[in-house]
Amino acid sequence: MTYAISIKDSAQNFECADGDNVLQGMLCRGREGIPVGCRGGGCGVCKVRVLEGQYRTKTMSAACVNAEERSAGYALACKLFPESNLQLEVVGRIGRSLARKSSSTGFHFYTSAGLNDGANKLED
């Protein structure tokens, strides 16, 4: 079984196989849109908010996603497993940059290089 994943404020959509985390699903299909960091749940670079759909998560660093954020739908894409189709929002400074880039150039892929300046904090 596969699930459709869409990223708000971008043209990125991809399928994620049952049992794969969302970040794996994106990378395996050559898609872009969610920033890639450590891939282990500790850096917070791939932080997203689930806007629609059912999912489960594995253990994430509380420094990256606290209990209040988890209850509001925030998760790390590397620890997020869809159980239905999902609509996601990339959050923080990177998410705002994604929205600007998507609307102006259509380019929307980011890596963790040079993002150790607090980019993994949730910003309003």
PDB file of N, CA and C in Angstrom:
ATOM      1  N   MET A   1       0.846  -1.170   0.000  1.00  0.00           N
ATOM      2  CA  MET A   1       0.000   0.000   0.000  1.00  0.00           C
ATOM      3  C   MET A   1       0.894   1.236   0.000  1.00  0.00           C
ATOM      4  N   THR A   2       0.466   2.276  -0.696  1.00  0.00           N
ATOM      5  CA  THR A   2       1.177   3.550  -0.703  1.00  0.00           C
ATOM      6  C   THR A   2       0.211   4.668  -0.335  1.00  0.00           C
ATOM      7  N   TYR A   3       0.786   5.750   0.162  1.00  0.00           N
ATOM      8  CA  TYR A   3       0.005   6.913   0.567  1.00  0.00           C
ATOM      9  C   TYR A   3       0.510   8.142  -0.186  1.00  0.00           C
ATOM     10  N   ALA A   4      -0.405   9.021  -0.559  1.00  0.00           N
ATOM     11  CA  ALA A   4      -0.055  10.265  -1.243  1.00  0.00           C
ATOM     12  C   ALA A   4       0.334  11.308  -0.206  1.00  0.00           C
ATOM     13  N   ILE A   5       1.498  11.924  -0.412  1.00  0.00           N
ATOM     14  CA  ILE A   5       1.997  12.959   0.479  1.00  0.00           C
ATOM     15  C   ILE A   5       2.073  14.256  -0.324  1.00  0.00           C
ATOM     16  N   SER A   6       1.489  15.328   0.180  1.00  0.00           N
ATOM     17  CA  SER A   6       1.585  16.629  -0.487  1.00  0.00           C
ATOM     18  C   SER A   6       2.159  17.638   0.502  1.00  0.00           C
ATOM     19  N   ILE A   7       2.914  18.584  -0.029  1.00  0.00           N
ATOM     20  CA  ILE A   7       3.547  19.601   0.794  1.00  0.00           C
ATOM     21  C   ILE A   7       2.910  20.941   0.467  1.00  0.00           C
ATOM     22  N   LYS A   8       2.293  21.545   1.470  1.00  0.00           N
ATOM     23  CA  LYS A   8       1.636  22.846   1.317  1.00  0.00           C
ATOM     24  C   LYS A   8       2.637  23.884   0.818  1.00  0.00           C
ATOM     25  N   ASP A   9       2.164  24.797   0.010  1.00  0.00           N
ATOM     26  CA  ASP A   9       2.967  25.899  -0.534  1.00  0.00           C
ATOM     27  C   ASP A   9       4.076  25.429  -1.466  1.00  0.00           C
ATOM     28  N   SER A  10       3.930  24.248  -2.024  1.00  0.00           N
ATOM     29  CA  SER A  10       4.880  23.773  -3.032  1.00  0.00           C
ATOM     30  C   SER A  10       4.127  22.881  -4.000  1.00  0.00           C
ATOM     31  N   ALA A  11       4.741  22.595  -5.093  1.00  0.00           N
ATOM     32  CA  ALA A  11       4.139  21.698  -6.074  1.00  0.00           C
ATOM     33  C   ALA A  11       4.571  20.261  -5.830  1.00  0.00           C
ATOM     34  N   GLN A  12       5.199  20.000  -4.695  1.00  0.00           N
ATOM     35  CA  GLN A  12       5.733  18.670  -4.433  1.00  0.00           C
ATOM     36  C   GLN A  12       4.672  17.715  -3.897  1.00  0.00           C
ATOM     37  N   ASN A  13       4.553  16.607  -4.567  1.00  0.00           N
ATOM     38  CA  ASN A  13       3.697  15.499  -4.165  1.00  0.00           C
ATOM     39  C   ASN A  13       4.478  14.234  -4.440  1.00  0.00           C
ATOM     40  N   PHE A  14       4.311  13.233  -3.596  1.00  0.00           N
ATOM     41  CA  PHE A  14       4.984  11.954  -3.814  1.00  0.00           C
ATOM     42  C   PHE A  14       4.225  10.867  -3.079  1.00  0.00           C
ATOM     43  N   GLU A  15       4.540   9.651  -3.406  1.00  0.00           N
ATOM     44  CA  GLU A  15       3.938   8.511  -2.721  1.00  0.00           C
ATOM     45  C   GLU A  15       4.916   7.972  -1.702  1.00  0.00           C
ATOM     46  N   CYS A  16       4.376   7.480  -0.612  1.00  0.00           N
ATOM     47  CA  CYS A  16       5.190   6.892   0.447  1.00  0.00           C
ATOM     48  C   CYS A  16       4.654   5.495   0.716  1.00  0.00           C
ATOM     49  N   ALA A  17       5.531   4.516   0.611  1.00  0.00           N
ATOM     50  CA  ALA A  17       5.131   3.127   0.837  1.00  0.00           C
ATOM     51  C   ALA A  17       4.835   2.882   2.311  1.00  0.00           C
ATOM     52  N   ASP A  18       3.880   2.014   2.561  1.00  0.00           N
ATOM     53  CA  ASP A  18       3.556   1.593   3.920  1.00  0.00           C
ATOM     54  C   ASP A  18       4.834   1.070   4.570  1.00  0.00           C
ATOM     55  N   GLY A  19       5.162   1.559   5.748  1.00  0.00           N
ATOM     56  CA  GLY A  19       6.363   1.123   6.449  1.00  0.00           C
ATOM     57  C   GLY A  19       7.556   2.045   6.270  1.00  0.00           C
ATOM     58  N   ASP A  20       7.517   2.932   5.259  1.00  0.00           N
ATOM     59  CA  ASP A  20       8.585   3.910   5.069  1.00  0.00           C
ATOM     60  C   ASP A  20       8.232   5.193   5.810  1.00  0.00           C
ATOM     61  N   ASN A  21       9.252   5.879   6.333  1.00  0.00           N
ATOM     62  CA  ASN A  21       8.966   7.192   6.896  1.00  0.00           C
ATOM     63  C   ASN A  21       8.829   8.190   5.741  1.00  0.00           C
ATOM     64  N   VAL A  22       8.242   9.324   6.012  1.00  0.00           N
ATOM     65  CA  VAL A  22       7.944  10.301   4.967  1.00  0.00           C
ATOM     66  C   VAL A  22       9.227  10.781   4.275  1.00  0.00           C
ATOM     67  N   LEU A  23      10.288  10.990   5.039  1.00  0.00           N
ATOM     68  CA  LEU A  23      11.541  11.455   4.433  1.00  0.00           C
ATOM     69  C   LEU A  23      12.101  10.404   3.476  1.00  0.00           C
ATOM     70  N   GLN A  24      12.062   9.127   3.879  1.00  0.00           N
ATOM     71  CA  GLN A  24      12.493   8.035   2.987  1.00  0.00           C
ATOM     72  C   GLN A  24      11.653   8.018   1.725  1.00  0.00           C
ATOM     73  N   GLY A  25      10.351   8.128   1.888  1.00  0.00           N
ATOM     74  CA  GLY A  25       9.451   8.110   0.740  1.00  0.00           C
ATOM     75  C   GLY A  25       9.787   9.206  -0.252  1.00  0.00           C
ATOM     76  N   MET A  26      10.072  10.402   0.262  1.00  0.00           N
ATOM     77  CA  MET A  26      10.416  11.521  -0.606  1.00  0.00           C
ATOM     78  C   MET A  26      11.728  11.249  -1.341  1.00  0.00           C
ATOM     79  N   LEU A  27      12.743  10.838  -0.611  1.00  0.00           N
ATOM     80  CA  LEU A  27      14.061  10.629  -1.206  1.00  0.00           C
ATOM     81  C   LEU A  27      14.072   9.458  -2.184  1.00  0.00           C
ATOM     82  N   CYS A  28      13.371   8.381  -1.855  1.00  0.00           N
ATOM     83  CA  CYS A  28      13.333   7.201  -2.738  1.00  0.00           C
ATOM     84  C   CYS A  28      12.690   7.505  -4.084  1.00  0.00           C
ATOM     85  N   ARG A  29      11.819   8.490  -4.107  1.00  0.00           N
ATOM     86  CA  ARG A  29      11.129   8.836  -5.348  1.00  0.00           C
ATOM     87  C   ARG A  29      11.730  10.054  -6.024  1.00  0.00           C
ATOM     88  N   GLY A  30      12.900  10.473  -5.549  1.00  0.00           N
ATOM     89  CA  GLY A  30      13.600  11.591  -6.184  1.00  0.00           C
ATOM     90  C   GLY A  30      12.883  12.915  -6.049  1.00  0.00           C
ATOM     91  N   ARG A  31      12.078  13.062  -5.024  1.00  0.00           N
ATOM     92  CA  ARG A  31      11.335  14.300  -4.823  1.00  0.00           C
ATOM     93  C   ARG A  31      12.087  15.226  -3.883  1.00  0.00           C
ATOM     94  N   GLU A  32      11.589  16.462  -3.784  1.00  0.00           N
ATOM     95  CA  GLU A  32      12.186  17.503  -2.971  1.00  0.00           C
ATOM     96  C   GLU A  32      11.098  18.175  -2.155  1.00  0.00           C
ATOM     97  N   GLY A  33      11.514  19.043  -1.255  1.00  0.00           N
ATOM     98  CA  GLY A  33      10.549  19.841  -0.517  1.00  0.00           C
ATOM     99  C   GLY A  33      10.759  19.834   0.977  1.00  0.00           C
ATOM    100  N   ILE A  34      11.189  18.722   1.548  1.00  0.00           N
ATOM    101  CA  ILE A  34      11.457  18.649   2.973  1.00  0.00           C
ATOM    102  C   ILE A  34      12.972  18.678   3.154  1.00  0.00           C
ATOM    103  N   PRO A  35      13.474  19.566   4.021  1.00  0.00           N
ATOM    104  CA  PRO A  35      14.913  19.623   4.257  1.00  0.00           C
ATOM    105  C   PRO A  35      15.433  18.306   4.835  1.00  0.00           C
ATOM    106  N   VAL A  36      16.647  17.944   4.478  1.00  0.00           N
ATOM    107  CA  VAL A  36      17.253  16.689   4.932  1.00  0.00           C
ATOM    108  C   VAL A  36      18.408  17.005   5.865  1.00  0.00           C
ATOM    109  N   GLY A  37      18.403  16.370   7.032  1.00  0.00           N
ATOM    110  CA  GLY A  37      19.476  16.547   8.005  1.00  0.00           C
ATOM    111  C   GLY A  37      20.077  15.206   8.375  1.00  0.00           C
ATOM    112  N   CYS A  38      20.039  14.898   9.664  1.00  0.00           N
ATOM    113  CA  CYS A  38      20.717  13.702  10.175  1.00  0.00           C
ATOM    114  C   CYS A  38      19.997  12.402   9.837  1.00  0.00           C
ATOM    115  N   ARG A  39      18.709  12.459   9.552  1.00  0.00           N
ATOM    116  CA  ARG A  39      17.857  11.307   9.235  1.00  0.00           C
ATOM    117  C   ARG A  39      17.639  10.372  10.424  1.00  0.00           C
ATOM    118  N   GLY A  40      17.984  10.824  11.628  1.00  0.00           N
ATOM    119  CA  GLY A  40      17.849   9.972  12.803  1.00  0.00           C
ATOM    120  C   GLY A  40      16.984  10.531  13.913  1.00  0.00           C
ATOM    121  N   GLY A  41      16.337  11.668  13.693  1.00  0.00           N
ATOM    122  CA  GLY A  41      15.431  12.220  14.696  1.00  0.00           C
ATOM    123  C   GLY A  41      16.082  13.118  15.721  1.00  0.00           C
ATOM    124  N   GLY A  42      17.316  13.546  15.488  1.00  0.00           N
ATOM    125  CA  GLY A  42      18.005  14.339  16.490  1.00  0.00           C
ATOM    126  C   GLY A  42      18.288  15.774  16.123  1.00  0.00           C
ATOM    127  N   CYS A  43      18.274  16.130  14.835  1.00  0.00           N
ATOM    128  CA  CYS A  43      18.685  17.490  14.452  1.00  0.00           C
ATOM    129  C   CYS A  43      17.511  18.446  14.277  1.00  0.00           C
ATOM    130  N   GLY A  44      16.344  17.952  13.917  1.00  0.00           N
ATOM    131  CA  GLY A  44      15.169  18.798  13.757  1.00  0.00           C
ATOM    132  C   GLY A  44      15.041  19.500  12.421  1.00  0.00           C
ATOM    133  N   VAL A  45      15.958  19.281  11.514  1.00  0.00           N
ATOM    134  CA  VAL A  45      15.931  19.978  10.221  1.00  0.00           C
ATOM    135  C   VAL A  45      14.686  19.609   9.409  1.00  0.00           C
ATOM    136  N   CYS A  46      14.219  18.374   9.503  1.00  0.00           N
ATOM    137  CA  CYS A  46      13.086  17.910   8.682  1.00  0.00           C
ATOM    138  C   CYS A  46      11.736  18.095   9.377  1.00  0.00           C
ATOM    139  N   LYS A  47      11.635  19.079  10.249  1.00  0.00           N
ATOM    140  CA  LYS A  47      10.410  19.306  11.017  1.00  0.00           C
ATOM    141  C   LYS A  47       9.264  19.738  10.104  1.00  0.00           C
ATOM    142  N   VAL A  48       8.139  19.084  10.281  1.00  0.00           N
ATOM    143  CA  VAL A  48       6.931  19.380   9.504  1.00  0.00           C
ATOM    144  C   VAL A  48       5.739  19.422  10.452  1.00  0.00           C
ATOM    145  N   ARG A  49       4.642  19.929   9.936  1.00  0.00           N
ATOM    146  CA  ARG A  49       3.368  19.868  10.656  1.00  0.00           C
ATOM    147  C   ARG A  49       2.383  19.133   9.774  1.00  0.00           C
ATOM    148  N   VAL A  50       1.730  18.143  10.320  1.00  0.00           N
ATOM    149  CA  VAL A  50       0.717  17.390   9.576  1.00  0.00           C
ATOM    150  C   VAL A  50      -0.581  18.182   9.633  1.00  0.00           C
ATOM    151  N   LEU A  51      -1.055  18.588   8.459  1.00  0.00           N
ATOM    152  CA  LEU A  51      -2.285  19.369   8.361  1.00  0.00           C
ATOM    153  C   LEU A  51      -3.504  18.481   8.171  1.00  0.00           C
ATOM    154  N   GLU A  52      -3.313  17.368   7.463  1.00  0.00           N
ATOM    155  CA  GLU A  52      -4.405  16.425   7.214  1.00  0.00           C
ATOM    156  C   GLU A  52      -3.846  15.021   7.170  1.00  0.00           C
ATOM    157  N   GLY A  53      -4.611  14.068   7.681  1.00  0.00           N
ATOM    158  CA  GLY A  53      -4.262  12.666   7.569  1.00  0.00           C
ATOM    159  C   GLY A  53      -3.898  12.004   8.890  1.00  0.00           C
ATOM    160  N   GLN A  54      -3.801  10.700   8.813  1.00  0.00           N
ATOM    161  CA  GLN A  54      -3.481   9.865   9.973  1.00  0.00           C
ATOM    162  C   GLN A  54      -2.036   9.394   9.875  1.00  0.00           C
ATOM    163  N   TYR A  55      -1.364   9.311  11.005  1.00  0.00           N
ATOM    164  CA  TYR A  55       0.046   8.940  11.017  1.00  0.00           C
ATOM    165  C   TYR A  55       0.445   8.413  12.391  1.00  0.00           C
ATOM    166  N   ARG A  56       1.634   7.867  12.449  1.00  0.00           N
ATOM    167  CA  ARG A  56       2.260   7.494  13.712  1.00  0.00           C
ATOM    168  C   ARG A  56       3.694   7.989  13.655  1.00  0.00           C
ATOM    169  N   THR A  57       4.290   8.146  14.816  1.00  0.00           N
ATOM    170  CA  THR A  57       5.677   8.589  14.866  1.00  0.00           C
ATOM    171  C   THR A  57       6.488   7.637  15.732  1.00  0.00           C
ATOM    172  N   LYS A  58       7.783   7.648  15.504  1.00  0.00           N
ATOM    173  CA  LYS A  58       8.723   6.968  16.386  1.00  0.00           C
ATOM    174  C   LYS A  58       9.370   8.028  17.268  1.00  0.00           C
ATOM    175  N   THR A  59      10.232   7.606  18.165  1.00  0.00           N
ATOM    176  CA  THR A  59      10.864   8.501  19.114  1.00  0.00           C
ATOM    177  C   THR A  59      11.622   9.628  18.426  1.00  0.00           C
ATOM    178  N   MET A  60      11.333  10.863  18.877  1.00  0.00           N
ATOM    179  CA  MET A  60      12.000  12.056  18.358  1.00  0.00           C
ATOM    180  C   MET A  60      12.623  12.795  19.532  1.00  0.00           C
ATOM    181  N   SER A  61      13.660  13.554  19.266  1.00  0.00           N
ATOM    182  CA  SER A  61      14.280  14.376  20.291  1.00  0.00           C
ATOM    183  C   SER A  61      13.274  15.399  20.808  1.00  0.00           C
ATOM    184  N   ALA A  62      13.087  15.455  22.134  1.00  0.00           N
ATOM    185  CA  ALA A  62      12.183  16.436  22.730  1.00  0.00           C
ATOM    186  C   ALA A  62      12.706  17.850  22.535  1.00  0.00           C
ATOM    187  N   ALA A  63      13.999  18.001  22.291  1.00  0.00           N
ATOM    188  CA  ALA A  63      14.560  19.315  22.006  1.00  0.00           C
ATOM    189  C   ALA A  63      14.102  19.813  20.635  1.00  0.00           C
ATOM    190  N   CYS A  64      13.759  18.896  19.752  1.00  0.00           N
ATOM    191  CA  CYS A  64      13.306  19.257  18.401  1.00  0.00           C
ATOM    192  C   CYS A  64      11.798  19.381  18.312  1.00  0.00           C
ATOM    193  N   VAL A  65      11.088  18.476  18.954  1.00  0.00           N
ATOM    194  CA  VAL A  65       9.623  18.472  18.948  1.00  0.00           C
ATOM    195  C   VAL A  65       9.163  18.145  20.362  1.00  0.00           C
ATOM    196  N   ASN A  66       8.661  19.149  21.065  1.00  0.00           N
ATOM    197  CA  ASN A  66       8.222  18.916  22.441  1.00  0.00           C
ATOM    198  C   ASN A  66       6.802  18.332  22.465  1.00  0.00           C
ATOM    199  N   ALA A  67       6.324  17.982  23.638  1.00  0.00           N
ATOM    200  CA  ALA A  67       5.017  17.327  23.772  1.00  0.00           C
ATOM    201  C   ALA A  67       3.884  18.197  23.255  1.00  0.00           C
ATOM    202  N   GLU A  68       3.938  19.490  23.509  1.00  0.00           N
ATOM    203  CA  GLU A  68       2.893  20.405  23.032  1.00  0.00           C
ATOM    204  C   GLU A  68       2.865  20.441  21.506  1.00  0.00           C
ATOM    205  N   GLU A  69       4.036  20.507  20.896  1.00  0.00           N
ATOM    206  CA  GLU A  69       4.116  20.511  19.440  1.00  0.00           C
ATOM    207  C   GLU A  69       3.608  19.190  18.864  1.00  0.00           C
ATOM    208  N   ARG A  70       4.001  18.071  19.466  1.00  0.00           N
ATOM    209  CA  ARG A  70       3.522  16.763  18.983  1.00  0.00           C
ATOM    210  C   ARG A  70       2.005  16.703  18.988  1.00  0.00           C
ATOM    211  N   SER A  71       1.388  17.221  20.044  1.00  0.00           N
ATOM    212  CA  SER A  71      -0.080  17.185  20.103  1.00  0.00           C
ATOM    213  C   SER A  71      -0.723  18.115  19.082  1.00  0.00           C
ATOM    214  N   ALA A  72       0.042  19.087  18.580  1.00  0.00           N
ATOM    215  CA  ALA A  72      -0.456  20.013  17.552  1.00  0.00           C
ATOM    216  C   ALA A  72      -0.122  19.540  16.138  1.00  0.00           C
ATOM    217  N   GLY A  73       0.438  18.324  16.010  1.00  0.00           N
ATOM    218  CA  GLY A  73       0.689  17.759  14.686  1.00  0.00           C
ATOM    219  C   GLY A  73       2.094  17.920  14.158  1.00  0.00           C
ATOM    220  N   TYR A  74       3.003  18.459  14.963  1.00  0.00           N
ATOM    221  CA  TYR A  74       4.389  18.616  14.521  1.00  0.00           C
ATOM    222  C   TYR A  74       5.135  17.300  14.690  1.00  0.00           C
ATOM    223  N   ALA A  75       6.032  17.034  13.764  1.00  0.00           N
ATOM    224  CA  ALA A  75       6.838  15.808  13.807  1.00  0.00           C
ATOM    225  C   ALA A  75       8.070  16.003  12.939  1.00  0.00           C
ATOM    226  N   LEU A  76       9.010  15.113  13.086  1.00  0.00           N
ATOM    227  CA  LEU A  76      10.167  15.074  12.195  1.00  0.00           C
ATOM    228  C   LEU A  76       9.846  14.099  11.083  1.00  0.00           C
ATOM    229  N   ALA A  77      10.026  14.500   9.842  1.00  0.00           N
ATOM    230  CA  ALA A  77       9.667  13.657   8.694  1.00  0.00           C
ATOM    231  C   ALA A  77      10.398  12.321   8.719  1.00  0.00           C
ATOM    232  N   CYS A  78      11.591  12.289   9.312  1.00  0.00           N
ATOM    233  CA  CYS A  78      12.359  11.041   9.380  1.00  0.00           C
ATOM    234  C   CYS A  78      11.781  10.063  10.396  1.00  0.00           C
ATOM    235  N   LYS A  79      10.845  10.519  11.221  1.00  0.00           N
ATOM    236  CA  LYS A  79      10.201   9.669  12.227  1.00  0.00           C
ATOM    237  C   LYS A  79       8.690   9.637  12.059  1.00  0.00           C
ATOM    238  N   LEU A  80       8.217  10.085  10.901  1.00  0.00           N
ATOM    239  CA  LEU A  80       6.791  10.194  10.608  1.00  0.00           C
ATOM    240  C   LEU A  80       6.378   9.124   9.608  1.00  0.00           C
ATOM    241  N   PHE A  81       5.417   8.286   9.992  1.00  0.00           N
ATOM    242  CA  PHE A  81       4.964   7.167   9.167  1.00  0.00           C
ATOM    243  C   PHE A  81       3.481   7.345   8.845  1.00  0.00           C
ATOM    244  N   PRO A  82       3.149   7.520   7.565  1.00  0.00           N
ATOM    245  CA  PRO A  82       1.743   7.742   7.205  1.00  0.00           C
ATOM    246  C   PRO A  82       0.897   6.484   7.388  1.00  0.00           C
ATOM    247  N   GLU A  83      -0.337   6.711   7.782  1.00  0.00           N
ATOM    248  CA  GLU A  83      -1.345   5.650   7.847  1.00  0.00           C
ATOM    249  C   GLU A  83      -2.535   6.010   6.960  1.00  0.00           C
ATOM    250  N   SER A  84      -2.407   7.133   6.250  1.00  0.00           N
ATOM    251  CA  SER A  84      -3.372   7.591   5.248  1.00  0.00           C
ATOM    252  C   SER A  84      -2.631   8.623   4.399  1.00  0.00           C
ATOM    253  N   ASN A  85      -3.316   9.200   3.420  1.00  0.00           N
ATOM    254  CA  ASN A  85      -2.729  10.301   2.664  1.00  0.00           C
ATOM    255  C   ASN A  85      -2.483  11.459   3.633  1.00  0.00           C
ATOM    256  N   LEU A  86      -1.396  12.215   3.409  1.00  0.00           N
ATOM    257  CA  LEU A  86      -1.045  13.315   4.303  1.00  0.00           C
ATOM    258  C   LEU A  86      -0.845  14.611   3.538  1.00  0.00           C
ATOM    259  N   GLN A  87      -1.230  15.719   4.163  1.00  0.00           N
ATOM    260  CA  GLN A  87      -0.815  17.036   3.699  1.00  0.00           C
ATOM    261  C   GLN A  87       0.081  17.597   4.789  1.00  0.00           C
ATOM    262  N   LEU A  88       1.283  18.039   4.390  1.00  0.00           N
ATOM    263  CA  LEU A  88       2.285  18.528   5.328  1.00  0.00           C
ATOM    264  C   LEU A  88       2.613  19.985   5.070  1.00  0.00           C
ATOM    265  N   GLU A  89       3.133  20.620   6.101  1.00  0.00           N
ATOM    266  CA  GLU A  89       3.673  21.967   6.000  1.00  0.00           C
ATOM    267  C   GLU A  89       5.081  21.927   6.571  1.00  0.00           C
ATOM    268  N   VAL A  90       6.065  22.387   5.818  1.00  0.00           N
ATOM    269  CA  VAL A  90       7.433  22.509   6.328  1.00  0.00           C
ATOM    270  C   VAL A  90       7.443  23.743   7.209  1.00  0.00           C
ATOM    271  N   VAL A  91       7.997  23.642   8.420  1.00  0.00           N
ATOM    272  CA  VAL A  91       7.875  24.728   9.394  1.00  0.00           C
ATOM    273  C   VAL A  91       9.195  25.451   9.644  1.00  0.00           C
ATOM    274  N   GLY A  92       9.078  26.566  10.377  1.00  0.00           N
ATOM    275  CA  GLY A  92      10.251  27.342  10.752  1.00  0.00           C
ATOM    276  C   GLY A  92      10.770  28.180   9.611  1.00  0.00           C
ATOM    277  N   ARG A  93      11.980  28.662   9.784  1.00  0.00           N
ATOM    278  CA  ARG A  93      12.609  29.548   8.803  1.00  0.00           C
ATOM    279  C   ARG A  93      12.712  28.877   7.443  1.00  0.00           C
ATOM    280  N   ILE A  94      13.030  27.599   7.427  1.00  0.00           N
ATOM    281  CA  ILE A  94      13.164  26.876   6.166  1.00  0.00           C
ATOM    282  C   ILE A  94      11.815  26.794   5.452  1.00  0.00           C
ATOM    283  N   GLY A  95      10.752  26.591   6.201  1.00  0.00           N
ATOM    284  CA  GLY A  95       9.423  26.528   5.609  1.00  0.00           C
ATOM    285  C   GLY A  95       9.019  27.829   4.950  1.00  0.00           C
ATOM    286  N   ARG A  96       9.322  28.947   5.589  1.00  0.00           N
ATOM    287  CA  ARG A  96       9.001  30.247   4.982  1.00  0.00           C
ATOM    288  C   ARG A  96       9.823  30.462   3.724  1.00  0.00           C
ATOM    289  N   SER A  97      11.079  30.053   3.766  1.00  0.00           N
ATOM    290  CA  SER A  97      11.932  30.167   2.588  1.00  0.00           C
ATOM    291  C   SER A  97      11.396  29.287   1.467  1.00  0.00           C
ATOM    292  N   LEU A  98      10.932  28.091   1.810  1.00  0.00           N
ATOM    293  CA  LEU A  98      10.343  27.175   0.832  1.00  0.00           C
ATOM    294  C   LEU A  98       9.166  27.832   0.130  1.00  0.00           C
ATOM    295  N   ALA A  99       8.289  28.466   0.891  1.00  0.00           N
ATOM    296  CA  ALA A  99       7.118  29.101   0.301  1.00  0.00           C
ATOM    297  C   ALA A  99       7.529  30.228  -0.647  1.00  0.00           C
ATOM    298  N   ARG A 100       8.515  31.028  -0.242  1.00  0.00           N
ATOM    299  CA  ARG A 100       8.979  32.109  -1.111  1.00  0.00           C
ATOM    300  C   ARG A 100       9.605  31.558  -2.381  1.00  0.00           C
ATOM    301  N   LYS A 101      10.485  30.559  -2.249  1.00  0.00           N
ATOM    302  CA  LYS A 101      11.159  29.982  -3.413  1.00  0.00           C
ATOM    303  C   LYS A 101      10.149  29.328  -4.349  1.00  0.00           C
ATOM    304  N   SER A 102       9.192  28.601  -3.776  1.00  0.00           N
ATOM    305  CA  SER A 102       8.210  27.897  -4.587  1.00  0.00           C
ATOM    306  C   SER A 102       7.395  28.871  -5.421  1.00  0.00           C
ATOM    307  N   SER A 103       7.022  29.999  -4.820  1.00  0.00           N
ATOM    308  CA  SER A 103       6.195  30.938  -5.566  1.00  0.00           C
ATOM    309  C   SER A 103       7.001  31.748  -6.574  1.00  0.00           C
ATOM    310  N   SER A 104       8.302  31.956  -6.311  1.00  0.00           N
ATOM    311  CA  SER A 104       9.069  32.794  -7.226  1.00  0.00           C
ATOM    312  C   SER A 104       9.863  32.023  -8.268  1.00  0.00           C
ATOM    313  N   THR A 105      10.389  30.843  -7.915  1.00  0.00           N
ATOM    314  CA  THR A 105      11.267  30.146  -8.856  1.00  0.00           C
ATOM    315  C   THR A 105      10.873  28.712  -9.127  1.00  0.00           C
ATOM    316  N   GLY A 106      10.039  28.150  -8.278  1.00  0.00           N
ATOM    317  CA  GLY A 106       9.703  26.743  -8.428  1.00  0.00           C
ATOM    318  C   GLY A 106      10.756  25.814  -7.841  1.00  0.00           C
ATOM    319  N   PHE A 107      11.881  26.334  -7.373  1.00  0.00           N
ATOM    320  CA  PHE A 107      12.941  25.508  -6.797  1.00  0.00           C
ATOM    321  C   PHE A 107      12.713  25.404  -5.306  1.00  0.00           C
ATOM    322  N   HIS A 108      12.673  24.195  -4.764  1.00  0.00           N
ATOM    323  CA  HIS A 108      12.385  24.063  -3.353  1.00  0.00           C
ATOM    324  C   HIS A 108      13.049  22.852  -2.709  1.00  0.00           C
ATOM    325  N   PHE A 109      14.352  22.759  -2.778  1.00  0.00           N
ATOM    326  CA  PHE A 109      15.054  21.689  -2.081  1.00  0.00           C
ATOM    327  C   PHE A 109      16.120  22.283  -1.195  1.00  0.00           C
ATOM    328  N   TYR A 110      16.196  21.828   0.022  1.00  0.00           N
ATOM    329  CA  TYR A 110      17.159  22.335   0.975  1.00  0.00           C
ATOM    330  C   TYR A 110      17.869  21.171   1.653  1.00  0.00           C
ATOM    331  N   THR A 111      19.105  21.377   2.031  1.00  0.00           N
ATOM    332  CA  THR A 111      19.847  20.386   2.806  1.00  0.00           C
ATOM    333  C   THR A 111      20.211  20.997   4.130  1.00  0.00           C
ATOM    334  N   SER A 112      20.818  20.208   4.994  1.00  0.00           N
ATOM    335  CA  SER A 112      21.171  20.687   6.319  1.00  0.00           C
ATOM    336  C   SER A 112      22.467  21.477   6.327  1.00  0.00           C
ATOM    337  N   ALA A 113      23.177  21.568   5.237  1.00  0.00           N
ATOM    338  CA  ALA A 113      24.458  22.271   5.198  1.00  0.00           C
ATOM    339  C   ALA A 113      24.293  23.721   5.647  1.00  0.00           C
ATOM    340  N   GLY A 114      25.052  24.103   6.638  1.00  0.00           N
ATOM    341  CA  GLY A 114      25.039  25.473   7.111  1.00  0.00           C
ATOM    342  C   GLY A 114      23.826  25.853   7.923  1.00  0.00           C
ATOM    343  N   LEU A 115      23.065  24.913   8.423  1.00  0.00           N
ATOM    344  CA  LEU A 115      21.849  25.240   9.163  1.00  0.00           C
ATOM    345  C   LEU A 115      22.002  25.038  10.664  1.00  0.00           C
ATOM    346  N   ASN A 116      23.180  25.135  11.185  1.00  0.00           N
ATOM    347  CA  ASN A 116      23.387  24.947  12.612  1.00  0.00           C
ATOM    348  C   ASN A 116      23.275  26.259  13.376  1.00  0.00           C
ATOM    349  N   ASP A 117      22.538  27.196  12.847  1.00  0.00           N
ATOM    350  CA  ASP A 117      22.404  28.512  13.466  1.00  0.00           C
ATOM    351  C   ASP A 117      21.021  28.685  14.093  1.00  0.00           C
ATOM    352  N   GLY A 118      20.430  27.596  14.582  1.00  0.00           N
ATOM    353  CA  GLY A 118      19.122  27.687  15.216  1.00  0.00           C
ATOM    354  C   GLY A 118      17.987  27.390  14.276  1.00  0.00           C
ATOM    355  N   ALA A 119      18.243  26.946  13.083  1.00  0.00           N
ATOM    356  CA  ALA A 119      17.193  26.697  12.092  1.00  0.00           C
ATOM    357  C   ALA A 119      16.257  25.595  12.520  1.00  0.00           C
ATOM    358  N   ASN A 120      16.660  24.768  13.492  1.00  0.00           N
ATOM    359  CA  ASN A 120      15.794  23.673  13.904  1.00  0.00           C
ATOM    360  C   ASN A 120      14.822  24.091  15.008  1.00  0.00           C
ATOM    361  N   LYS A 121      14.763  25.365  15.329  1.00  0.00           N
ATOM    362  CA  LYS A 121      13.791  25.847  16.299  1.00  0.00           C
ATOM    363  C   LYS A 121      12.518  26.242  15.580  1.00  0.00           C
ATOM    364  N   LEU A 122      11.381  25.971  16.203  1.00  0.00           N
ATOM    365  CA  LEU A 122      10.094  26.375  15.635  1.00  0.00           C
ATOM    366  C   LEU A 122       9.959  27.878  15.762  1.00  0.00           C
ATOM    367  N   GLU A 123       9.686  28.515  14.660  1.00  0.00           N
ATOM    368  CA  GLU A 123       9.496  29.957  14.664  1.00  0.00           C
ATOM    369  C   GLU A 123       8.087  30.271  14.186  1.00  0.00           C
ATOM    370  N   ASP A 124       7.506  31.311  14.742  1.00  0.00           N
ATOM    371  CA  ASP A 124       6.170  31.732  14.307  1.00  0.00           C
ATOM    372  C   ASP A 124       6.252  32.641  13.123  1.00  0.00           C
TER     373      ASP A 124
END
